[in-house]
């Protein structure tokens, strides 16, 4: 990366140098010469990054499906693996006017993107967190659509039976004792951790889907790398029909599609 007077980049890890380079380009792209104040900011940011604080929170946005979404510590940072949910919904060829529900919307990146791919869709983004809803509101303004609606609710308990064509969710699915949580310590545990060894959210959503989905409606869930088989059992237990297990770009089973 470009050398900056007063900063010894050799002391930092490869990951920090990579993220810092991205940060500098994003924050100071119009600066022909950095001021001392900006150099001091970069020094402080480098130290924070070296301690594992996510780059996207520091920048304040993250790219998802080709668009930038605002993020802060109230919401998860969107991952590229989650983009597979958008691809699956697109492949379903849902009819115009379909009603979709993004449970645990967080930043709104999934729900807003779905609203944008078909402006006739009516998409609801649901989250229990008031702070997450505020972030999603900001992102909805940035994307200027009038077919995405936010609802603060505990799961999807606010919807009528047989009212939804497609439920999509990247819910919390990490067991509270999972050692990998240490790598996610700066992100909201409410959006990460689920009881019952990581399966409680799947149990709740699948049970609700049985009631809320219209006939032949779809349930699409992102899950962890080792949860596919047990999630399939939950799907079957709730009288939903397994349609497909979807793998991510690394060939790992990442999502499951079911139908009422």
C-alpha atoms as a PDB file:
ATOM      1  CA  UNK A   1       0.000   0.000   0.000  1.00  0.00           C
ATOM      2  CA  UNK A   2       1.005   3.631  -0.434  1.00  0.00           C
ATOM      3  CA  UNK A   3       3.407   4.861   2.235  1.00  0.00           C
ATOM      4  CA  UNK A   4       2.259   7.660   4.506  1.00  0.00           C
ATOM      5  CA  UNK A   5       4.724   9.769   6.434  1.00  0.00           C
ATOM      6  CA  UNK A   6       4.588   9.022  10.134  1.00  0.00           C
ATOM      7  CA  UNK A   7       2.948   5.578   9.830  1.00  0.00           C
ATOM      8  CA  UNK A   8       4.920   2.331   9.975  1.00  0.00           C
ATOM      9  CA  UNK A   9       2.654  -0.117   8.166  1.00  0.00           C
ATOM     10  CA  UNK A  10       5.077  -3.014   8.674  1.00  0.00           C
ATOM     11  CA  UNK A  11       3.815  -3.406  12.242  1.00  0.00           C
ATOM     12  CA  UNK A  12       0.344  -4.382  11.053  1.00  0.00           C
ATOM     13  CA  UNK A  13      -1.028  -7.696   9.808  1.00  0.00           C
ATOM     14  CA  UNK A  14      -1.827  -8.332   6.170  1.00  0.00           C
ATOM     15  CA  UNK A  15      -5.555  -8.142   6.948  1.00  0.00           C
ATOM     16  CA  UNK A  16      -5.191  -4.762   8.650  1.00  0.00           C
ATOM     17  CA  UNK A  17      -3.128  -3.358   5.785  1.00  0.00           C
ATOM     18  CA  UNK A  18      -5.696  -4.617   3.261  1.00  0.00           C
ATOM     19  CA  UNK A  19      -8.638  -3.131   5.167  1.00  0.00           C
ATOM     20  CA  UNK A  20      -6.781   0.085   5.898  1.00  0.00           C
ATOM     21  CA  UNK A  21      -6.004   0.547   2.223  1.00  0.00           C
ATOM     22  CA  UNK A  22      -9.706   0.153   1.466  1.00  0.00           C
ATOM     23  CA  UNK A  23     -10.593   2.594   4.252  1.00  0.00           C
ATOM     24  CA  UNK A  24      -8.189   5.249   2.948  1.00  0.00           C
ATOM     25  CA  UNK A  25      -9.517   4.947  -0.601  1.00  0.00           C
ATOM     26  CA  UNK A  26     -13.112   5.119   0.616  1.00  0.00           C
ATOM     27  CA  UNK A  27     -12.702   7.989   3.073  1.00  0.00           C
ATOM     28  CA  UNK A  28     -10.031  10.118   1.417  1.00  0.00           C
ATOM     29  CA  UNK A  29     -10.423   9.378  -2.282  1.00  0.00           C
ATOM     30  CA  UNK A  30     -10.729  13.066  -3.146  1.00  0.00           C
ATOM     31  CA  UNK A  31      -7.665  14.109  -1.128  1.00  0.00           C
ATOM     32  CA  UNK A  32      -4.545  14.822  -3.172  1.00  0.00           C
ATOM     33  CA  UNK A  33      -2.515  15.198   0.012  1.00  0.00           C
ATOM     34  CA  UNK A  34      -3.444  14.001   3.484  1.00  0.00           C
ATOM     35  CA  UNK A  35      -3.604  16.525   6.310  1.00  0.00           C
ATOM     36  CA  UNK A  36      -2.041  15.796   9.691  1.00  0.00           C
ATOM     37  CA  UNK A  37      -5.535  15.347  11.113  1.00  0.00           C
ATOM     38  CA  UNK A  38      -6.298  12.702   8.481  1.00  0.00           C
ATOM     39  CA  UNK A  39      -2.980  10.957   9.145  1.00  0.00           C
ATOM     40  CA  UNK A  40      -3.802  10.843  12.859  1.00  0.00           C
ATOM     41  CA  UNK A  41      -7.218   9.389  12.025  1.00  0.00           C
ATOM     42  CA  UNK A  42      -5.587   6.670   9.912  1.00  0.00           C
ATOM     43  CA  UNK A  43      -3.210   5.815  12.775  1.00  0.00           C
ATOM     44  CA  UNK A  44      -6.120   5.429  15.189  1.00  0.00           C
ATOM     45  CA  UNK A  45      -8.167   3.394  12.709  1.00  0.00           C
ATOM     46  CA  UNK A  46      -5.221   1.068  12.071  1.00  0.00           C
ATOM     47  CA  UNK A  47      -4.914   0.298  15.779  1.00  0.00           C
ATOM     48  CA  UNK A  48      -8.652  -0.382  16.047  1.00  0.00           C
ATOM     49  CA  UNK A  49      -8.565  -2.643  12.988  1.00  0.00           C
ATOM     50  CA  UNK A  50      -5.595  -4.543  14.396  1.00  0.00           C
ATOM     51  CA  UNK A  51      -7.779  -5.334  17.426  1.00  0.00           C
ATOM     52  CA  UNK A  52     -10.347  -6.896  15.089  1.00  0.00           C
ATOM     53  CA  UNK A  53     -12.899  -4.109  14.753  1.00  0.00           C
ATOM     54  CA  UNK A  54     -14.684  -4.521  11.392  1.00  0.00           C
ATOM     55  CA  UNK A  55     -13.692  -2.205   8.567  1.00  0.00           C
ATOM     56  CA  UNK A  56     -17.283  -1.809   7.368  1.00  0.00           C
ATOM     57  CA  UNK A  57     -18.432  -0.390  10.705  1.00  0.00           C
ATOM     58  CA  UNK A  58     -15.604   2.137  10.573  1.00  0.00           C
ATOM     59  CA  UNK A  59     -16.522   3.180   7.033  1.00  0.00           C
ATOM     60  CA  UNK A  60     -20.229   3.045   7.835  1.00  0.00           C
ATOM     61  CA  UNK A  61     -21.360   1.047   4.815  1.00  0.00           C
ATOM     62  CA  UNK A  62     -21.026  -2.287   3.089  1.00  0.00           C
ATOM     63  CA  UNK A  63     -21.763  -3.548  -0.411  1.00  0.00           C
ATOM     64  CA  UNK A  64     -24.492  -6.124  -0.945  1.00  0.00           C
ATOM     65  CA  UNK A  65     -25.636  -7.313  -4.345  1.00  0.00           C
ATOM     66  CA  UNK A  66     -23.968  -4.360  -6.042  1.00  0.00           C
ATOM     67  CA  UNK A  67     -25.413  -1.659  -3.777  1.00  0.00           C
ATOM     68  CA  UNK A  68     -24.045   0.121  -0.726  1.00  0.00           C
ATOM     69  CA  UNK A  69     -25.944  -0.238   2.528  1.00  0.00           C
ATOM     70  CA  UNK A  70     -25.346   1.724   5.719  1.00  0.00           C
ATOM     71  CA  UNK A  71     -24.276  -0.414   8.670  1.00  0.00           C
ATOM     72  CA  UNK A  72     -23.417   0.123  12.315  1.00  0.00           C
ATOM     73  CA  UNK A  73     -23.080  -2.131  15.350  1.00  0.00           C
ATOM     74  CA  UNK A  74     -26.861  -2.491  15.615  1.00  0.00           C
ATOM     75  CA  UNK A  75     -26.898  -4.755  12.548  1.00  0.00           C
ATOM     76  CA  UNK A  76     -24.893  -7.566  11.029  1.00  0.00           C
ATOM     77  CA  UNK A  77     -22.460  -6.749   8.265  1.00  0.00           C
ATOM     78  CA  UNK A  78     -23.902  -8.292   5.068  1.00  0.00           C
ATOM     79  CA  UNK A  79     -21.889 -11.223   3.741  1.00  0.00           C
ATOM     80  CA  UNK A  80     -21.439 -12.160   0.125  1.00  0.00           C
ATOM     81  CA  UNK A  81     -22.713 -15.666   0.954  1.00  0.00           C
ATOM     82  CA  UNK A  82     -26.124 -14.199   1.778  1.00  0.00           C
ATOM     83  CA  UNK A  83     -26.498 -12.894  -1.777  1.00  0.00           C
ATOM     84  CA  UNK A  84     -27.452 -16.451  -2.734  1.00  0.00           C
ATOM     85  CA  UNK A  85     -30.866 -15.793  -1.146  1.00  0.00           C
ATOM     86  CA  UNK A  86     -31.530 -13.090  -3.738  1.00  0.00           C
ATOM     87  CA  UNK A  87     -30.515 -15.398  -6.575  1.00  0.00           C
ATOM     88  CA  UNK A  88     -32.859 -18.124  -5.330  1.00  0.00           C
ATOM     89  CA  UNK A  89     -35.844 -15.777  -5.060  1.00  0.00           C
ATOM     90  CA  UNK A  90     -35.165 -14.496  -8.581  1.00  0.00           C
ATOM     91  CA  UNK A  91     -35.170 -18.085  -9.842  1.00  0.00           C
ATOM     92  CA  UNK A  92     -38.633 -18.738  -8.357  1.00  0.00           C
ATOM     93  CA  UNK A  93     -40.301 -16.425 -10.897  1.00  0.00           C
ATOM     94  CA  UNK A  94     -42.827 -15.238  -8.325  1.00  0.00           C
ATOM     95  CA  UNK A  95     -45.819 -13.503  -9.931  1.00  0.00           C
ATOM     96  CA  UNK A  96     -46.101  -9.726  -9.924  1.00  0.00           C
ATOM     97  CA  UNK A  97     -47.726  -8.412  -6.776  1.00  0.00           C
ATOM     98  CA  UNK A  98     -46.283 -11.168  -4.581  1.00  0.00           C
ATOM     99  CA  UNK A  99     -45.983 -10.471  -0.861  1.00  0.00           C
ATOM    100  CA  UNK A 100     -42.586 -11.248   0.651  1.00  0.00           C
ATOM    101  CA  UNK A 101     -41.363 -11.114   4.224  1.00  0.00           C
ATOM    102  CA  UNK A 102     -37.738 -10.724   5.303  1.00  0.00           C
ATOM    103  CA  UNK A 103     -37.610 -11.934   8.915  1.00  0.00           C
ATOM    104  CA  UNK A 104     -34.752 -10.432  10.920  1.00  0.00           C
ATOM    105  CA  UNK A 105     -34.161  -7.761   8.313  1.00  0.00           C
ATOM    106  CA  UNK A 106     -31.287  -6.017  10.140  1.00  0.00           C
ATOM    107  CA  UNK A 107     -29.849  -3.455   7.719  1.00  0.00           C
ATOM    108  CA  UNK A 108     -32.659  -4.259   5.280  1.00  0.00           C
ATOM    109  CA  UNK A 109     -30.192  -5.398   2.629  1.00  0.00           C
ATOM    110  CA  UNK A 110     -32.151  -8.548   1.720  1.00  0.00           C
ATOM    111  CA  UNK A 111     -35.629  -7.028   1.778  1.00  0.00           C
ATOM    112  CA  UNK A 112     -34.673  -3.827  -0.022  1.00  0.00           C
ATOM    113  CA  UNK A 113     -32.796  -5.759  -2.710  1.00  0.00           C
ATOM    114  CA  UNK A 114     -35.848  -7.992  -3.244  1.00  0.00           C
ATOM    115  CA  UNK A 115     -38.032  -4.895  -3.511  1.00  0.00           C
ATOM    116  CA  UNK A 116     -35.690  -3.487  -6.129  1.00  0.00           C
ATOM    117  CA  UNK A 117     -35.557  -6.577  -8.355  1.00  0.00           C
ATOM    118  CA  UNK A 118     -39.321  -6.440  -8.858  1.00  0.00           C
ATOM    119  CA  UNK A 119     -41.062  -3.174  -8.066  1.00  0.00           C
ATOM    120  CA  UNK A 120     -44.456  -4.895  -8.072  1.00  0.00           C
ATOM    121  CA  UNK A 121     -43.450  -6.968  -5.037  1.00  0.00           C
ATOM    122  CA  UNK A 122     -44.698  -5.881  -1.628  1.00  0.00           C
ATOM    123  CA  UNK A 123     -41.849  -6.623   0.765  1.00  0.00           C
ATOM    124  CA  UNK A 124     -41.960  -6.430   4.557  1.00  0.00           C
ATOM    125  CA  UNK A 125     -38.779  -6.208   6.616  1.00  0.00           C
ATOM    126  CA  UNK A 126     -39.332  -7.434  10.169  1.00  0.00           C
ATOM    127  CA  UNK A 127     -37.008  -7.030  13.131  1.00  0.00           C
ATOM    128  CA  UNK A 128     -37.417  -6.992  16.895  1.00  0.00           C
ATOM    129  CA  UNK A 129     -34.592  -4.463  17.293  1.00  0.00           C
ATOM    130  CA  UNK A 130     -35.633  -0.806  17.189  1.00  0.00           C
ATOM    131  CA  UNK A 131     -32.051   0.209  16.411  1.00  0.00           C
ATOM    132  CA  UNK A 132     -31.889  -2.203  13.483  1.00  0.00           C
ATOM    133  CA  UNK A 133     -35.154  -0.811  12.140  1.00  0.00           C
ATOM    134  CA  UNK A 134     -33.621   2.675  12.196  1.00  0.00           C
ATOM    135  CA  UNK A 135     -30.673   1.492  10.096  1.00  0.00           C
ATOM    136  CA  UNK A 136     -33.034  -0.195   7.629  1.00  0.00           C
ATOM    137  CA  UNK A 137     -35.092   3.011   7.400  1.00  0.00           C
ATOM    138  CA  UNK A 138     -31.969   4.911   6.422  1.00  0.00           C
ATOM    139  CA  UNK A 139     -31.152   2.342   3.757  1.00  0.00           C
ATOM    140  CA  UNK A 140     -34.700   2.397   2.440  1.00  0.00           C
ATOM    141  CA  UNK A 141     -34.394   6.156   1.913  1.00  0.00           C
ATOM    142  CA  UNK A 142     -31.123   5.661   0.053  1.00  0.00           C
ATOM    143  CA  UNK A 143     -32.784   3.179  -2.275  1.00  0.00           C
ATOM    144  CA  UNK A 144     -35.954   5.269  -2.746  1.00  0.00           C
ATOM    145  CA  UNK A 145     -38.602   2.601  -3.153  1.00  0.00           C
ATOM    146  CA  UNK A 146     -42.194   2.569  -1.962  1.00  0.00           C
ATOM    147  CA  UNK A 147     -42.709  -1.195  -1.901  1.00  0.00           C
ATOM    148  CA  UNK A 148     -40.545  -2.012   1.131  1.00  0.00           C
ATOM    149  CA  UNK A 149     -42.161  -1.634   4.546  1.00  0.00           C
ATOM    150  CA  UNK A 150     -40.577  -2.006   7.963  1.00  0.00           C
ATOM    151  CA  UNK A 151     -42.269  -3.657  10.924  1.00  0.00           C
ATOM    152  CA  UNK A 152     -40.906  -3.920  14.449  1.00  0.00           C
ATOM    153  CA  UNK A 153     -42.141  -7.284  15.632  1.00  0.00           C
ATOM    154  CA  UNK A 154     -41.089 -10.447  17.413  1.00  0.00           C
ATOM    155  CA  UNK A 155     -40.556 -12.705  14.406  1.00  0.00           C
ATOM    156  CA  UNK A 156     -43.576 -12.605  12.066  1.00  0.00           C
ATOM    157  CA  UNK A 157     -46.294 -12.759  14.691  1.00  0.00           C
ATOM    158  CA  UNK A 158     -47.992  -9.628  13.307  1.00  0.00           C
ATOM    159  CA  UNK A 159     -49.068 -11.165   9.967  1.00  0.00           C
ATOM    160  CA  UNK A 160     -52.329 -12.885   9.049  1.00  0.00           C
ATOM    161  CA  UNK A 161     -52.551 -16.560   8.194  1.00  0.00           C
ATOM    162  CA  UNK A 162     -52.194 -17.515   4.530  1.00  0.00           C
ATOM    163  CA  UNK A 163     -51.040 -14.001   3.600  1.00  0.00           C
ATOM    164  CA  UNK A 164     -47.429 -14.357   2.402  1.00  0.00           C
ATOM    165  CA  UNK A 165     -46.038 -15.746  -0.856  1.00  0.00           C
ATOM    166  CA  UNK A 166     -42.414 -16.041   0.237  1.00  0.00           C
ATOM    167  CA  UNK A 167     -40.620 -15.836   3.577  1.00  0.00           C
ATOM    168  CA  UNK A 168     -36.877 -15.186   3.441  1.00  0.00           C
ATOM    169  CA  UNK A 169     -34.595 -15.097   6.443  1.00  0.00           C
ATOM    170  CA  UNK A 170     -30.968 -15.078   7.490  1.00  0.00           C
ATOM    171  CA  UNK A 171     -31.801 -15.612  11.161  1.00  0.00           C
ATOM    172  CA  UNK A 172     -29.507 -16.050  14.161  1.00  0.00           C
ATOM    173  CA  UNK A 173     -28.210 -19.615  13.998  1.00  0.00           C
ATOM    174  CA  UNK A 174     -24.971 -19.778  15.989  1.00  0.00           C
ATOM    175  CA  UNK A 175     -24.842 -21.769  19.212  1.00  0.00           C
ATOM    176  CA  UNK A 176     -24.006 -19.608  22.228  1.00  0.00           C
ATOM    177  CA  UNK A 177     -20.998 -21.820  23.005  1.00  0.00           C
ATOM    178  CA  UNK A 178     -19.554 -21.724  19.487  1.00  0.00           C
ATOM    179  CA  UNK A 179     -15.864 -20.700  19.744  1.00  0.00           C
ATOM    180  CA  UNK A 180     -16.132 -18.786  16.443  1.00  0.00           C
ATOM    181  CA  UNK A 181     -18.242 -16.144  18.199  1.00  0.00           C
ATOM    182  CA  UNK A 182     -15.036 -14.507  19.404  1.00  0.00           C
ATOM    183  CA  UNK A 183     -14.388 -13.457  15.805  1.00  0.00           C
ATOM    184  CA  UNK A 184     -17.823 -11.799  15.708  1.00  0.00           C
ATOM    185  CA  UNK A 185     -17.641 -10.041  19.061  1.00  0.00           C
ATOM    186  CA  UNK A 186     -18.284  -6.588  17.578  1.00  0.00           C
ATOM    187  CA  UNK A 187     -21.519  -7.609  15.836  1.00  0.00           C
ATOM    188  CA  UNK A 188     -24.896  -7.821  17.637  1.00  0.00           C
ATOM    189  CA  UNK A 189     -25.374 -11.144  19.429  1.00  0.00           C
ATOM    190  CA  UNK A 190     -29.138 -10.764  18.990  1.00  0.00           C
ATOM    191  CA  UNK A 191     -28.631 -11.292  15.255  1.00  0.00           C
ATOM    192  CA  UNK A 192     -26.091 -14.099  15.672  1.00  0.00           C
ATOM    193  CA  UNK A 193     -26.941 -16.389  18.580  1.00  0.00           C
ATOM    194  CA  UNK A 194     -29.878 -18.753  18.845  1.00  0.00           C
ATOM    195  CA  UNK A 195     -30.821 -21.100  21.683  1.00  0.00           C
ATOM    196  CA  UNK A 196     -31.274 -24.872  21.273  1.00  0.00           C
ATOM    197  CA  UNK A 197     -27.768 -25.311  19.845  1.00  0.00           C
ATOM    198  CA  UNK A 198     -28.457 -22.656  17.221  1.00  0.00           C
ATOM    199  CA  UNK A 199     -31.793 -24.043  16.002  1.00  0.00           C
ATOM    200  CA  UNK A 200     -34.422 -22.121  17.993  1.00  0.00           C
ATOM    201  CA  UNK A 201     -34.914 -19.431  15.340  1.00  0.00           C
ATOM    202  CA  UNK A 202     -35.383 -22.084  12.654  1.00  0.00           C
ATOM    203  CA  UNK A 203     -37.997 -23.816  14.807  1.00  0.00           C
ATOM    204  CA  UNK A 204     -39.953 -20.593  15.339  1.00  0.00           C
ATOM    205  CA  UNK A 205     -39.807 -19.405  11.726  1.00  0.00           C
ATOM    206  CA  UNK A 206     -40.716 -22.808  10.280  1.00  0.00           C
ATOM    207  CA  UNK A 207     -43.686 -23.122  12.617  1.00  0.00           C
ATOM    208  CA  UNK A 208     -44.887 -19.624  11.697  1.00  0.00           C
ATOM    209  CA  UNK A 209     -44.344 -20.279   7.988  1.00  0.00           C
ATOM    210  CA  UNK A 210     -46.801 -23.177   8.109  1.00  0.00           C
ATOM    211  CA  UNK A 211     -49.525 -20.732   9.126  1.00  0.00           C
ATOM    212  CA  UNK A 212     -48.490 -17.559   7.318  1.00  0.00           C
ATOM    213  CA  UNK A 213     -47.609 -18.852   3.857  1.00  0.00           C
ATOM    214  CA  UNK A 214     -50.214 -19.090   1.147  1.00  0.00           C
ATOM    215  CA  UNK A 215     -50.740 -22.449  -0.532  1.00  0.00           C
ATOM    216  CA  UNK A 216     -47.533 -23.305  -2.444  1.00  0.00           C
ATOM    217  CA  UNK A 217     -45.751 -20.399  -0.745  1.00  0.00           C
ATOM    218  CA  UNK A 218     -41.985 -20.591  -0.210  1.00  0.00           C
ATOM    219  CA  UNK A 219     -39.723 -20.548   2.830  1.00  0.00           C
ATOM    220  CA  UNK A 220     -36.048 -19.742   2.193  1.00  0.00           C
ATOM    221  CA  UNK A 221     -33.585 -19.924   5.092  1.00  0.00           C
ATOM    222  CA  UNK A 222     -29.856 -19.306   5.298  1.00  0.00           C
ATOM    223  CA  UNK A 223     -28.095 -21.627   7.749  1.00  0.00           C
ATOM    224  CA  UNK A 224     -24.696 -22.664   9.065  1.00  0.00           C
ATOM    225  CA  UNK A 225     -22.298 -25.004   7.301  1.00  0.00           C
ATOM    226  CA  UNK A 226     -23.262 -28.027   9.435  1.00  0.00           C
ATOM    227  CA  UNK A 227     -26.986 -27.458  10.020  1.00  0.00           C
ATOM    228  CA  UNK A 228     -28.588 -28.712   6.821  1.00  0.00           C
ATOM    229  CA  UNK A 229     -29.685 -32.172   7.984  1.00  0.00           C
ATOM    230  CA  UNK A 230     -31.235 -31.062  11.267  1.00  0.00           C
ATOM    231  CA  UNK A 231     -32.917 -28.112   9.569  1.00  0.00           C
ATOM    232  CA  UNK A 232     -34.433 -30.514   7.044  1.00  0.00           C
ATOM    233  CA  UNK A 233     -35.974 -32.422   9.965  1.00  0.00           C
ATOM    234  CA  UNK A 234     -37.463 -29.188  11.311  1.00  0.00           C
ATOM    235  CA  UNK A 235     -38.902 -28.415   7.876  1.00  0.00           C
ATOM    236  CA  UNK A 236     -40.488 -31.861   7.622  1.00  0.00           C
ATOM    237  CA  UNK A 237     -41.837 -31.706  11.183  1.00  0.00           C
ATOM    238  CA  UNK A 238     -43.746 -28.545  10.277  1.00  0.00           C
ATOM    239  CA  UNK A 239     -45.389 -30.128   7.217  1.00  0.00           C
ATOM    240  CA  UNK A 240     -43.320 -28.158   4.734  1.00  0.00           C
ATOM    241  CA  UNK A 241     -41.938 -29.800   1.604  1.00  0.00           C
ATOM    242  CA  UNK A 242     -38.210 -29.628   0.979  1.00  0.00           C
ATOM    243  CA  UNK A 243     -37.535 -28.248  -2.504  1.00  0.00           C
ATOM    244  CA  UNK A 244     -33.800 -27.721  -2.607  1.00  0.00           C
ATOM    245  CA  UNK A 245     -30.610 -27.493  -0.578  1.00  0.00           C
ATOM    246  CA  UNK A 246     -28.537 -24.647  -1.973  1.00  0.00           C
ATOM    247  CA  UNK A 247     -24.746 -24.508  -1.931  1.00  0.00           C
ATOM    248  CA  UNK A 248     -22.693 -21.331  -1.845  1.00  0.00           C
ATOM    249  CA  UNK A 249     -19.768 -20.501  -4.137  1.00  0.00           C
ATOM    250  CA  UNK A 250     -17.482 -22.622  -1.968  1.00  0.00           C
ATOM    251  CA  UNK A 251     -19.705 -25.671  -2.439  1.00  0.00           C
ATOM    252  CA  UNK A 252     -20.971 -25.554   1.153  1.00  0.00           C
ATOM    253  CA  UNK A 253     -24.687 -26.061   1.848  1.00  0.00           C
ATOM    254  CA  UNK A 254     -25.774 -22.546   2.806  1.00  0.00           C
ATOM    255  CA  UNK A 255     -29.563 -22.305   2.402  1.00  0.00           C
ATOM    256  CA  UNK A 256     -32.656 -24.447   2.258  1.00  0.00           C
ATOM    257  CA  UNK A 257     -35.798 -23.883   0.187  1.00  0.00           C
ATOM    258  CA  UNK A 258     -39.125 -25.353   1.259  1.00  0.00           C
ATOM    259  CA  UNK A 259     -42.726 -25.002   0.155  1.00  0.00           C
ATOM    260  CA  UNK A 260     -46.087 -25.185   1.893  1.00  0.00           C
END
